[in-house]
Amino acid sequence: MFDPAPLPRPSPDALRVLRGHRAGVPAYLSWALGPVNSPAGLVPIDAAYADLTARGLVVAGERALSVLPGEDRSPFVLTAEGDRVRRMGPAAGG
C-alpha cells in the first residue's frame, strides 16, 4: 500500500475564498477577492472554487444564485475537511 502524494497547496485566491466561508452556510463569495462589476470579474472566483472543489474542500449546491445580472452560480458548502483546513489559518492546505 502507498500513500498518494498530497495535493499542492491551494492557490492564494482559493485560500481567500475558503477563509470567507462558514461551516454549514451555502455561499458563492463573489466579493472574496474584491469588488466584482462584470462577468469577467467572476473568472478568478470560479477558478478558486474549481481548485477548492477538486481538493474536496467544498461541494456545490444544486440551486443557483444570481451573483450579477444574468450571471448565476451554485453556492458552495464547506466539507468537513474544508472546515478543518479553513480553521488552520494562513498555512492551510500545505
PDB file of N, CA and C in Angstrom:
ATOM      1  N   MET A   1       0.831  -1.181   0.000  1.00  0.00           N
ATOM      2  CA  MET A   1       0.000   0.000   0.000  1.00  0.00           C
ATOM      3  C   MET A   1       0.873   1.241   0.000  1.00  0.00           C
ATOM      4  N   PHE A   2       0.417   2.274  -0.665  1.00  0.00           N
ATOM      5  CA  PHE A   2       1.182   3.509  -0.673  1.00  0.00           C
ATOM      6  C   PHE A   2       0.260   4.678  -0.369  1.00  0.00           C
ATOM      7  N   ASP A   3       0.845   5.740   0.129  1.00  0.00           N
ATOM      8  CA  ASP A   3       0.085   6.965   0.366  1.00  0.00           C
ATOM      9  C   ASP A   3       0.221   7.847  -0.857  1.00  0.00           C
ATOM     10  N   PRO A   4      -0.911   8.311  -1.416  1.00  0.00           N
ATOM     11  CA  PRO A   4      -0.802   9.211  -2.557  1.00  0.00           C
ATOM     12  C   PRO A   4      -0.129  10.510  -2.134  1.00  0.00           C
ATOM     13  N   ALA A   5       0.558  11.126  -3.066  1.00  0.00           N
ATOM     14  CA  ALA A   5       1.217  12.400  -2.773  1.00  0.00           C
ATOM     15  C   ALA A   5       0.158  13.437  -2.428  1.00  0.00           C
ATOM     16  N   PRO A   6       0.422  14.257  -1.429  1.00  0.00           N
ATOM     17  CA  PRO A   6      -0.559  15.284  -1.080  1.00  0.00           C
ATOM     18  C   PRO A   6      -0.686  16.291  -2.225  1.00  0.00           C
ATOM     19  N   LEU A   7      -1.878  16.857  -2.348  1.00  0.00           N
ATOM     20  CA  LEU A   7      -2.081  17.894  -3.353  1.00  0.00           C
ATOM     21  C   LEU A   7      -1.252  19.112  -2.990  1.00  0.00           C
ATOM     22  N   PRO A   8      -0.779  19.844  -3.993  1.00  0.00           N
ATOM     23  CA  PRO A   8      -0.072  21.095  -3.678  1.00  0.00           C
ATOM     24  C   PRO A   8      -1.006  22.053  -2.942  1.00  0.00           C
ATOM     25  N   ARG A   9      -0.427  22.989  -2.280  1.00  0.00           N
ATOM     26  CA  ARG A   9      -1.184  23.988  -1.528  1.00  0.00           C
ATOM     27  C   ARG A   9      -2.179  24.696  -2.460  1.00  0.00           C
ATOM     28  N   PRO A  10      -3.409  24.968  -1.976  1.00  0.00           N
ATOM     29  CA  PRO A  10      -4.366  25.715  -2.801  1.00  0.00           C
ATOM     30  C   PRO A  10      -3.805  27.085  -3.177  1.00  0.00           C
ATOM     31  N   SER A  11      -4.297  27.624  -4.261  1.00  0.00           N
ATOM     32  CA  SER A  11      -3.850  28.942  -4.714  1.00  0.00           C
ATOM     33  C   SER A  11      -4.196  29.994  -3.659  1.00  0.00           C
ATOM     34  N   PRO A  12      -3.487  31.125  -3.667  1.00  0.00           N
ATOM     35  CA  PRO A  12      -3.819  32.196  -2.716  1.00  0.00           C
ATOM     36  C   PRO A  12      -5.277  32.647  -2.840  1.00  0.00           C
ATOM     37  N   ASP A  13      -5.792  32.727  -4.072  1.00  0.00           N
ATOM     38  CA  ASP A  13      -7.194  33.113  -4.253  1.00  0.00           C
ATOM     39  C   ASP A  13      -8.123  32.078  -3.640  1.00  0.00           C
ATOM     40  N   ALA A  14      -7.815  30.800  -3.835  1.00  0.00           N
ATOM     41  CA  ALA A  14      -8.646  29.732  -3.269  1.00  0.00           C
ATOM     42  C   ALA A  14      -8.631  29.802  -1.737  1.00  0.00           C
ATOM     43  N   LEU A  15      -7.485  30.082  -1.160  1.00  0.00           N
ATOM     44  CA  LEU A  15      -7.404  30.189   0.307  1.00  0.00           C
ATOM     45  C   LEU A  15      -8.218  31.376   0.819  1.00  0.00           C
ATOM     46  N   ARG A  16      -8.210  32.499   0.087  1.00  0.00           N
ATOM     47  CA  ARG A  16      -9.009  33.660   0.498  1.00  0.00           C
ATOM     48  C   ARG A  16     -10.494  33.322   0.467  1.00  0.00           C
ATOM     49  N   VAL A  17     -10.930  32.629  -0.590  1.00  0.00           N
ATOM     50  CA  VAL A  17     -12.331  32.221  -0.687  1.00  0.00           C
ATOM     51  C   VAL A  17     -12.661  31.254   0.442  1.00  0.00           C
ATOM     52  N   LEU A  18     -11.804  30.280   0.669  1.00  0.00           N
ATOM     53  CA  LEU A  18     -12.038  29.285   1.713  1.00  0.00           C
ATOM     54  C   LEU A  18     -12.191  29.944   3.076  1.00  0.00           C
ATOM     55  N   ARG A  19     -11.323  30.889   3.397  1.00  0.00           N
ATOM     56  CA  ARG A  19     -11.380  31.561   4.703  1.00  0.00           C
ATOM     57  C   ARG A  19     -12.664  32.353   4.898  1.00  0.00           C
ATOM     58  N   GLY A  20     -13.303  32.790   3.796  1.00  0.00           N
ATOM     59  CA  GLY A  20     -14.536  33.549   3.908  1.00  0.00           C
ATOM     60  C   GLY A  20     -15.762  32.707   4.192  1.00  0.00           C
ATOM     61  N   HIS A  21     -15.660  31.407   3.999  1.00  0.00           N
ATOM     62  CA  HIS A  21     -16.804  30.516   4.215  1.00  0.00           C
ATOM     63  C   HIS A  21     -17.011  30.210   5.689  1.00  0.00           C
ATOM     64  N   ARG A  22     -18.240  29.852   6.019  1.00  0.00           N
ATOM     65  CA  ARG A  22     -18.582  29.404   7.358  1.00  0.00           C
ATOM     66  C   ARG A  22     -19.219  28.027   7.244  1.00  0.00           C
ATOM     67  N   ALA A  23     -18.930  27.169   8.177  1.00  0.00           N
ATOM     68  CA  ALA A  23     -19.446  25.798   8.163  1.00  0.00           C
ATOM     69  C   ALA A  23     -20.963  25.788   8.080  1.00  0.00           C
ATOM     70  N   GLY A  24     -21.481  24.974   7.157  1.00  0.00           N
ATOM     71  CA  GLY A  24     -22.911  24.778   7.027  1.00  0.00           C
ATOM     72  C   GLY A  24     -23.670  25.886   6.328  1.00  0.00           C
ATOM     73  N   VAL A  25     -22.971  26.914   5.862  1.00  0.00           N
ATOM     74  CA  VAL A  25     -23.635  28.048   5.223  1.00  0.00           C
ATOM     75  C   VAL A  25     -23.313  28.042   3.730  1.00  0.00           C
ATOM     76  N   PRO A  26     -24.294  27.728   2.869  1.00  0.00           N
ATOM     77  CA  PRO A  26     -24.037  27.751   1.429  1.00  0.00           C
ATOM     78  C   PRO A  26     -23.768  29.181   0.966  1.00  0.00           C
ATOM     79  N   ALA A  27     -22.745  29.351   0.140  1.00  0.00           N
ATOM     80  CA  ALA A  27     -22.407  30.695  -0.344  1.00  0.00           C
ATOM     81  C   ALA A  27     -21.582  30.616  -1.612  1.00  0.00           C
ATOM     82  N   TYR A  28     -21.682  31.662  -2.403  1.00  0.00           N
ATOM     83  CA  TYR A  28     -20.772  31.914  -3.520  1.00  0.00           C
ATOM     84  C   TYR A  28     -20.209  33.284  -3.220  1.00  0.00           C
ATOM     85  N   LEU A  29     -18.972  33.350  -2.780  1.00  0.00           N
ATOM     86  CA  LEU A  29     -18.378  34.583  -2.263  1.00  0.00           C
ATOM     87  C   LEU A  29     -17.781  35.423  -3.389  1.00  0.00           C
ATOM     88  N   SER A  30     -18.648  36.013  -4.196  1.00  0.00           N
ATOM     89  CA  SER A  30     -18.188  36.790  -5.346  1.00  0.00           C
ATOM     90  C   SER A  30     -17.333  37.987  -4.935  1.00  0.00           C
ATOM     91  N   TRP A  31     -17.446  38.450  -3.727  1.00  0.00           N
ATOM     92  CA  TRP A  31     -16.704  39.603  -3.222  1.00  0.00           C
ATOM     93  C   TRP A  31     -15.365  39.227  -2.586  1.00  0.00           C
ATOM     94  N   ALA A  32     -15.062  37.961  -2.470  1.00  0.00           N
ATOM     95  CA  ALA A  32     -13.905  37.499  -1.688  1.00  0.00           C
ATOM     96  C   ALA A  32     -12.570  38.058  -2.171  1.00  0.00           C
ATOM     97  N   LEU A  33     -12.474  38.382  -3.453  1.00  0.00           N
ATOM     98  CA  LEU A  33     -11.208  38.901  -3.990  1.00  0.00           C
ATOM     99  C   LEU A  33     -11.308  40.382  -4.319  1.00  0.00           C
ATOM    100  N   GLY A  34     -12.388  41.008  -3.918  1.00  0.00           N
ATOM    101  CA  GLY A  34     -12.596  42.423  -4.192  1.00  0.00           C
ATOM    102  C   GLY A  34     -13.903  42.627  -4.935  1.00  0.00           C
ATOM    103  N   PRO A  35     -14.226  43.901  -5.203  1.00  0.00           N
ATOM    104  CA  PRO A  35     -15.482  44.196  -5.894  1.00  0.00           C
ATOM    105  C   PRO A  35     -15.533  43.564  -7.287  1.00  0.00           C
ATOM    106  N   VAL A  36     -16.701  43.071  -7.650  1.00  0.00           N
ATOM    107  CA  VAL A  36     -16.922  42.466  -8.965  1.00  0.00           C
ATOM    108  C   VAL A  36     -18.051  43.230  -9.642  1.00  0.00           C
ATOM    109  N   ASN A  37     -17.752  43.770 -10.826  1.00  0.00           N
ATOM    110  CA  ASN A  37     -18.743  44.562 -11.540  1.00  0.00           C
ATOM    111  C   ASN A  37     -19.114  43.991 -12.891  1.00  0.00           C
ATOM    112  N   SER A  38     -18.460  42.908 -13.295  1.00  0.00           N
ATOM    113  CA  SER A  38     -18.741  42.330 -14.607  1.00  0.00           C
ATOM    114  C   SER A  38     -18.503  40.824 -14.551  1.00  0.00           C
ATOM    115  N   PRO A  39     -19.041  40.095 -15.536  1.00  0.00           N
ATOM    116  CA  PRO A  39     -18.801  38.646 -15.570  1.00  0.00           C
ATOM    117  C   PRO A  39     -17.312  38.287 -15.591  1.00  0.00           C
ATOM    118  N   ALA A  40     -16.497  39.114 -16.218  1.00  0.00           N
ATOM    119  CA  ALA A  40     -15.052  38.840 -16.246  1.00  0.00           C
ATOM    120  C   ALA A  40     -14.464  38.833 -14.834  1.00  0.00           C
ATOM    121  N   GLY A  41     -15.042  39.606 -13.933  1.00  0.00           N
ATOM    122  CA  GLY A  41     -14.570  39.640 -12.552  1.00  0.00           C
ATOM    123  C   GLY A  41     -14.857  38.361 -11.789  1.00  0.00           C
ATOM    124  N   LEU A  42     -15.761  37.541 -12.312  1.00  0.00           N
ATOM    125  CA  LEU A  42     -16.082  36.266 -11.660  1.00  0.00           C
ATOM    126  C   LEU A  42     -15.108  35.154 -12.037  1.00  0.00           C
ATOM    127  N   VAL A  43     -14.315  35.350 -13.079  1.00  0.00           N
ATOM    128  CA  VAL A  43     -13.399  34.304 -13.553  1.00  0.00           C
ATOM    129  C   VAL A  43     -12.450  33.834 -12.455  1.00  0.00           C
ATOM    130  N   PRO A  44     -11.762  34.734 -11.720  1.00  0.00           N
ATOM    131  CA  PRO A  44     -10.868  34.235 -10.669  1.00  0.00           C
ATOM    132  C   PRO A  44     -11.609  33.559  -9.516  1.00  0.00           C
ATOM    133  N   ILE A  45     -12.839  33.985  -9.246  1.00  0.00           N
ATOM    134  CA  ILE A  45     -13.630  33.344  -8.190  1.00  0.00           C
ATOM    135  C   ILE A  45     -14.010  31.930  -8.638  1.00  0.00           C
ATOM    136  N   ASP A  46     -14.456  31.815  -9.892  1.00  0.00           N
ATOM    137  CA  ASP A  46     -14.793  30.489 -10.430  1.00  0.00           C
ATOM    138  C   ASP A  46     -13.576  29.564 -10.384  1.00  0.00           C
ATOM    139  N   ALA A  47     -12.394  30.100 -10.716  1.00  0.00           N
ATOM    140  CA  ALA A  47     -11.163  29.291 -10.687  1.00  0.00           C
ATOM    141  C   ALA A  47     -10.840  28.863  -9.256  1.00  0.00           C
ATOM    142  N   ALA A  48     -11.039  29.753  -8.303  1.00  0.00           N
ATOM    143  CA  ALA A  48     -10.778  29.419  -6.902  1.00  0.00           C
ATOM    144  C   ALA A  48     -11.718  28.303  -6.440  1.00  0.00           C
ATOM    145  N   TYR A  49     -12.994  28.405  -6.809  1.00  0.00           N
ATOM    146  CA  TYR A  49     -13.940  27.352  -6.428  1.00  0.00           C
ATOM    147  C   TYR A  49     -13.611  26.034  -7.124  1.00  0.00           C
ATOM    148  N   ALA A  50     -13.157  26.093  -8.371  1.00  0.00           N
ATOM    149  CA  ALA A  50     -12.758  24.856  -9.061  1.00  0.00           C
ATOM    150  C   ALA A  50     -11.602  24.196  -8.321  1.00  0.00           C
ATOM    151  N   ASP A  51     -10.636  24.990  -7.856  1.00  0.00           N
ATOM    152  CA  ASP A  51      -9.491  24.483  -7.092  1.00  0.00           C
ATOM    153  C   ASP A  51      -9.972  23.839  -5.791  1.00  0.00           C
ATOM    154  N   LEU A  52     -10.838  24.544  -5.062  1.00  0.00           N
ATOM    155  CA  LEU A  52     -11.331  24.018  -3.785  1.00  0.00           C
ATOM    156  C   LEU A  52     -12.170  22.759  -3.974  1.00  0.00           C
ATOM    157  N   THR A  53     -12.977  22.735  -5.045  1.00  0.00           N
ATOM    158  CA  THR A  53     -13.805  21.563  -5.319  1.00  0.00           C
ATOM    159  C   THR A  53     -12.939  20.358  -5.666  1.00  0.00           C
ATOM    160  N   ALA A  54     -11.907  20.563  -6.484  1.00  0.00           N
ATOM    161  CA  ALA A  54     -11.009  19.473  -6.877  1.00  0.00           C
ATOM    162  C   ALA A  54     -10.300  18.867  -5.670  1.00  0.00           C
ATOM    163  N   ARG A  55     -10.082  19.662  -4.641  1.00  0.00           N
ATOM    164  CA  ARG A  55      -9.412  19.194  -3.423  1.00  0.00           C
ATOM    165  C   ARG A  55     -10.388  18.613  -2.401  1.00  0.00           C
ATOM    166  N   GLY A  56     -11.689  18.679  -2.713  1.00  0.00           N
ATOM    167  CA  GLY A  56     -12.688  18.151  -1.788  1.00  0.00           C
ATOM    168  C   GLY A  56     -12.940  19.041  -0.587  1.00  0.00           C
ATOM    169  N   LEU A  57     -12.624  20.338  -0.702  1.00  0.00           N
ATOM    170  CA  LEU A  57     -12.795  21.256   0.426  1.00  0.00           C
ATOM    171  C   LEU A  57     -14.159  21.928   0.432  1.00  0.00           C
ATOM    172  N   VAL A  58     -14.805  21.982  -0.734  1.00  0.00           N
ATOM    173  CA  VAL A  58     -16.172  22.496  -0.843  1.00  0.00           C
ATOM    174  C   VAL A  58     -16.941  21.606  -1.809  1.00  0.00           C
ATOM    175  N   VAL A  59     -18.265  21.644  -1.686  1.00  0.00           N
ATOM    176  CA  VAL A  59     -19.141  20.967  -2.648  1.00  0.00           C
ATOM    177  C   VAL A  59     -20.182  21.975  -3.113  1.00  0.00           C
ATOM    178  N   ALA A  60     -20.541  21.868  -4.392  1.00  0.00           N
ATOM    179  CA  ALA A  60     -21.524  22.779  -4.972  1.00  0.00           C
ATOM    180  C   ALA A  60     -22.930  22.353  -4.618  1.00  0.00           C
ATOM    181  N   GLY A  61     -23.768  23.334  -4.359  1.00  0.00           N
ATOM    182  CA  GLY A  61     -25.188  23.080  -4.161  1.00  0.00           C
ATOM    183  C   GLY A  61     -25.869  22.981  -5.515  1.00  0.00           C
ATOM    184  N   GLU A  62     -27.110  22.585  -5.504  1.00  0.00           N
ATOM    185  CA  GLU A  62     -27.826  22.394  -6.765  1.00  0.00           C
ATOM    186  C   GLU A  62     -28.576  23.640  -7.221  1.00  0.00           C
ATOM    187  N   ARG A  63     -29.000  24.467  -6.321  1.00  0.00           N
ATOM    188  CA  ARG A  63     -29.805  25.634  -6.670  1.00  0.00           C
ATOM    189  C   ARG A  63     -28.895  26.839  -6.926  1.00  0.00           C
ATOM    190  N   ALA A  64     -28.971  27.398  -8.112  1.00  0.00           N
ATOM    191  CA  ALA A  64     -28.114  28.528  -8.476  1.00  0.00           C
ATOM    192  C   ALA A  64     -28.635  29.840  -7.877  1.00  0.00           C
ATOM    193  N   LEU A  65     -27.698  30.734  -7.603  1.00  0.00           N
ATOM    194  CA  LEU A  65     -27.997  32.067  -7.096  1.00  0.00           C
ATOM    195  C   LEU A  65     -27.568  33.092  -8.138  1.00  0.00           C
ATOM    196  N   SER A  66     -28.260  34.196  -8.212  1.00  0.00           N
ATOM    197  CA  SER A  66     -27.861  35.283  -9.092  1.00  0.00           C
ATOM    198  C   SER A  66     -26.763  36.082  -8.380  1.00  0.00           C
ATOM    199  N   VAL A  67     -25.573  36.154  -8.990  1.00  0.00           N
ATOM    200  CA  VAL A  67     -24.471  36.891  -8.369  1.00  0.00           C
ATOM    201  C   VAL A  67     -24.215  38.218  -9.070  1.00  0.00           C
ATOM    202  N   LEU A  68     -24.635  38.325 -10.301  1.00  0.00           N
ATOM    203  CA  LEU A  68     -24.639  39.561 -11.084  1.00  0.00           C
ATOM    204  C   LEU A  68     -25.819  39.448 -12.038  1.00  0.00           C
ATOM    205  N   PRO A  69     -26.324  40.542 -12.560  1.00  0.00           N
ATOM    206  CA  PRO A  69     -27.400  40.426 -13.548  1.00  0.00           C
ATOM    207  C   PRO A  69     -26.991  39.490 -14.695  1.00  0.00           C
ATOM    208  N   GLY A  70     -27.776  38.461 -14.894  1.00  0.00           N
ATOM    209  CA  GLY A  70     -27.501  37.489 -15.954  1.00  0.00           C
ATOM    210  C   GLY A  70     -26.438  36.456 -15.623  1.00  0.00           C
ATOM    211  N   GLU A  71     -25.889  36.480 -14.423  1.00  0.00           N
ATOM    212  CA  GLU A  71     -24.835  35.540 -14.013  1.00  0.00           C
ATOM    213  C   GLU A  71     -25.282  34.775 -12.777  1.00  0.00           C
ATOM    214  N   ASP A  72     -25.552  33.496 -12.964  1.00  0.00           N
ATOM    215  CA  ASP A  72     -25.947  32.620 -11.857  1.00  0.00           C
ATOM    216  C   ASP A  72     -24.798  31.675 -11.520  1.00  0.00           C
ATOM    217  N   ARG A  73     -24.634  31.388 -10.242  1.00  0.00           N
ATOM    218  CA  ARG A  73     -23.628  30.449  -9.788  1.00  0.00           C
ATOM    219  C   ARG A  73     -24.211  29.586  -8.684  1.00  0.00           C
ATOM    220  N   SER A  74     -23.733  28.358  -8.592  1.00  0.00           N
ATOM    221  CA  SER A  74     -24.129  27.476  -7.492  1.00  0.00           C
ATOM    222  C   SER A  74     -23.444  27.933  -6.219  1.00  0.00           C
ATOM    223  N   PRO A  75     -24.157  27.897  -5.089  1.00  0.00           N
ATOM    224  CA  PRO A  75     -23.479  28.166  -3.825  1.00  0.00           C
ATOM    225  C   PRO A  75     -22.658  26.938  -3.428  1.00  0.00           C
ATOM    226  N   PHE A  76     -21.657  27.158  -2.626  1.00  0.00           N
ATOM    227  CA  PHE A  76     -20.783  26.082  -2.163  1.00  0.00           C
ATOM    228  C   PHE A  76     -20.859  25.968  -0.654  1.00  0.00           C
ATOM    229  N   VAL A  77     -20.676  24.745  -0.171  1.00  0.00           N
ATOM    230  CA  VAL A  77     -20.673  24.464   1.267  1.00  0.00           C
ATOM    231  C   VAL A  77     -19.348  23.787   1.598  1.00  0.00           C
ATOM    232  N   LEU A  78     -18.780  24.179   2.716  1.00  0.00           N
ATOM    233  CA  LEU A  78     -17.551  23.534   3.176  1.00  0.00           C
ATOM    234  C   LEU A  78     -17.791  22.065   3.478  1.00  0.00           C
ATOM    235  N   THR A  79     -16.839  21.230   3.118  1.00  0.00           N
ATOM    236  CA  THR A  79     -16.838  19.854   3.592  1.00  0.00           C
ATOM    237  C   THR A  79     -16.201  19.861   4.978  1.00  0.00           C
ATOM    238  N   ALA A  80     -16.242  18.728   5.669  1.00  0.00           N
ATOM    239  CA  ALA A  80     -15.583  18.644   6.982  1.00  0.00           C
ATOM    240  C   ALA A  80     -14.095  18.960   6.836  1.00  0.00           C
ATOM    241  N   GLU A  81     -13.476  18.441   5.778  1.00  0.00           N
ATOM    242  CA  GLU A  81     -12.053  18.721   5.545  1.00  0.00           C
ATOM    243  C   GLU A  81     -11.843  20.196   5.221  1.00  0.00           C
ATOM    244  N   GLY A  82     -12.742  20.784   4.460  1.00  0.00           N
ATOM    245  CA  GLY A  82     -12.643  22.207   4.136  1.00  0.00           C
ATOM    246  C   GLY A  82     -12.711  23.068   5.383  1.00  0.00           C
ATOM    247  N   ASP A  83     -13.602  22.719   6.302  1.00  0.00           N
ATOM    248  CA  ASP A  83     -13.697  23.470   7.549  1.00  0.00           C
ATOM    249  C   ASP A  83     -12.430  23.307   8.379  1.00  0.00           C
ATOM    250  N   ARG A  84     -11.885  22.097   8.403  1.00  0.00           N
ATOM    251  CA  ARG A  84     -10.636  21.868   9.132  1.00  0.00           C
ATOM    252  C   ARG A  84      -9.506  22.701   8.550  1.00  0.00           C
ATOM    253  N   VAL A  85      -9.366  22.698   7.228  1.00  0.00           N
ATOM    254  CA  VAL A  85      -8.307  23.467   6.570  1.00  0.00           C
ATOM    255  C   VAL A  85      -8.528  24.954   6.783  1.00  0.00           C
ATOM    256  N   ARG A  86      -9.770  25.409   6.685  1.00  0.00           N
ATOM    257  CA  ARG A  86     -10.083  26.827   6.886  1.00  0.00           C
ATOM    258  C   ARG A  86      -9.652  27.288   8.275  1.00  0.00           C
ATOM    259  N   ARG A  87      -9.904  26.459   9.271  1.00  0.00           N
ATOM    260  CA  ARG A  87      -9.562  26.837  10.657  1.00  0.00           C
ATOM    261  C   ARG A  87      -8.062  26.773  10.934  1.00  0.00           C
ATOM    262  N   MET A  88      -7.304  26.137  10.055  1.00  0.00           N
ATOM    263  CA  MET A  88      -5.851  26.033  10.241  1.00  0.00           C
ATOM    264  C   MET A  88      -5.166  27.370  10.032  1.00  0.00           C
ATOM    265  N   GLY A  89      -5.800  28.307   9.342  1.00  0.00           N
ATOM    266  CA  GLY A  89      -5.229  29.634   9.169  1.00  0.00           C
ATOM    267  C   GLY A  89      -4.398  29.770   7.914  1.00  0.00           C
ATOM    268  N   PRO A  90      -3.503  30.774   7.868  1.00  0.00           N
ATOM    269  CA  PRO A  90      -2.749  31.117   6.672  1.00  0.00           C
ATOM    270  C   PRO A  90      -1.915  29.982   6.101  1.00  0.00           C
ATOM    271  N   ALA A  91      -1.460  29.061   6.904  1.00  0.00           N
ATOM    272  CA  ALA A  91      -0.639  27.960   6.394  1.00  0.00           C
ATOM    273  C   ALA A  91      -1.490  26.808   5.872  1.00  0.00           C
ATOM    274  N   ALA A  92      -2.791  26.984   5.815  1.00  0.00           N
ATOM    275  CA  ALA A  92      -3.719  25.915   5.460  1.00  0.00           C
ATOM    276  C   ALA A  92      -3.399  25.303   4.108  1.00  0.00           C
ATOM    277  N   GLY A  93      -3.610  24.016   4.060  1.00  0.00           N
ATOM    278  CA  GLY A  93      -3.546  23.294   2.798  1.00  0.00           C
ATOM    279  C   GLY A  93      -2.186  22.898   2.332  1.00  0.00           C
ATOM    280  N   GLY A  94      -1.153  23.234   3.025  1.00  0.00           N
ATOM    281  CA  GLY A  94       0.150  22.868   2.501  1.00  0.00           C
ATOM    282  C   GLY A  94       0.975  22.380   3.566  1.00  0.00           C
TER     283      GLY A  94
END
